[in-house]
Amino acid sequence: MTYETRNLDEASFLLYHKLKILKKDDEGGKAVIVFEDSEKLKQKLIDYVNGDSVEPKKFLQAYRSIRDFALKTSKKNTWKSKL
């Protein structure tokens, strides 16, 4: 199973918590970040909705990595961690 999101803030939060990105899909010109589904992912989604706090510098690093990955236009849509 997988979990997909177009929300860069949400994807950044999940990456910040070291959840596994499988790939990026493009749907109608918008990036869809695909994560491996797990119990940890489900709990972190609840934490995200509830406004769980993060360390700003590390979150910004995760956000920039996700943004760059989402905007990448190459044919290679797999994730290589920069964190």
Protein backbone atom coordinates (compact mmCIF):
# COMPACT_ATOMS: atom_id res chain seq x y z
CA MET A 1 0.00 0.00 0.00
CA THR A 2 1.03 3.59 -0.56
CA TYR A 3 0.00 7.07 0.53
CA GLU A 4 -0.04 9.94 -1.97
CA THR A 5 -0.03 13.68 -1.35
CA ARG A 6 0.22 16.85 -3.42
CA ASN A 7 0.66 18.98 -0.29
CA LEU A 8 4.34 19.99 0.04
CA ASP A 9 3.95 20.94 3.71
CA GLU A 10 2.49 17.54 4.52
CA ALA A 11 5.15 15.73 2.48
CA SER A 12 7.85 17.78 4.22
CA PHE A 13 6.45 16.85 7.62
CA LEU A 14 6.50 13.16 6.69
CA LEU A 15 10.04 13.40 5.33
CA TYR A 16 11.10 15.28 8.47
CA HIS A 17 9.95 12.22 10.44
CA LYS A 18 11.97 9.92 8.15
CA LEU A 19 9.06 8.27 6.37
CA LYS A 20 10.00 6.49 3.15
CA ILE A 21 9.33 8.19 -0.17
CA LEU A 22 8.83 5.71 -2.98
CA LYS A 23 8.53 7.99 -5.99
CA LYS A 24 6.97 11.05 -7.57
CA ASP A 25 4.13 10.90 -10.07
CA ASP A 26 2.99 13.75 -12.27
CA GLU A 27 -0.75 14.24 -12.61
CA GLY A 28 -1.90 17.11 -14.78
CA GLY A 29 1.31 19.06 -14.26
CA LYS A 30 1.23 18.65 -10.46
CA ALA A 31 3.63 16.49 -8.52
CA VAL A 32 2.24 13.70 -6.38
CA ILE A 33 4.67 12.45 -3.73
CA VAL A 34 4.17 8.75 -2.98
CA PHE A 35 5.09 7.38 0.46
CA GLU A 36 5.25 3.82 1.70
CA ASP A 37 2.19 3.24 3.89
CA SER A 38 2.80 2.18 7.50
CA GLU A 39 1.41 2.55 10.98
CA LYS A 40 4.05 5.23 11.66
CA LEU A 41 2.82 7.18 8.62
CA LYS A 42 -0.77 7.02 9.86
CA GLN A 43 0.29 8.31 13.28
CA LYS A 44 2.37 11.11 11.77
CA LEU A 45 -0.59 12.20 9.61
CA ILE A 46 -2.64 12.53 12.80
CA ASP A 47 0.23 14.48 14.39
CA TYR A 48 0.39 16.74 11.31
CA VAL A 49 -3.33 17.52 11.45
CA ASN A 50 -3.04 18.19 15.19
CA GLY A 51 -0.23 20.70 14.63
CA ASP A 52 2.69 18.73 16.06
CA SER A 53 5.78 20.90 16.46
CA VAL A 54 8.99 20.47 14.50
CA GLU A 55 12.50 21.89 14.63
CA PRO A 56 12.34 24.81 12.15
CA LYS A 57 15.76 24.36 10.51
CA LYS A 58 15.31 20.64 9.94
CA PHE A 59 11.76 21.15 8.66
CA LEU A 60 12.97 23.82 6.23
CA GLN A 61 15.65 21.44 4.97
CA ALA A 62 12.99 18.75 4.43
CA TYR A 63 10.72 21.29 2.69
CA ARG A 64 13.47 22.38 0.30
CA SER A 65 14.33 18.77 -0.52
CA ILE A 66 10.68 17.93 -1.25
CA ARG A 67 10.18 21.12 -3.27
CA ASP A 68 13.26 20.42 -5.40
CA PHE A 69 12.15 16.81 -5.92
CA ALA A 70 8.61 17.89 -6.85
CA LEU A 71 9.84 20.47 -9.36
CA LYS A 72 12.42 18.18 -10.95
CA THR A 73 11.46 17.58 -14.56
CA SER A 74 13.73 14.66 -15.40
CA LYS A 75 12.36 11.26 -16.31
CA LYS A 76 13.84 9.82 -13.11
CA ASN A 77 11.12 10.17 -10.47
CA THR A 78 12.72 8.19 -7.65
CA TRP A 79 13.85 9.68 -4.36
CA LYS A 80 17.45 9.95 -3.17
CA SER A 81 17.60 11.27 0.36
CA LYS A 82 19.53 14.49 0.87
CA LEU A 83 18.92 14.53 4.62
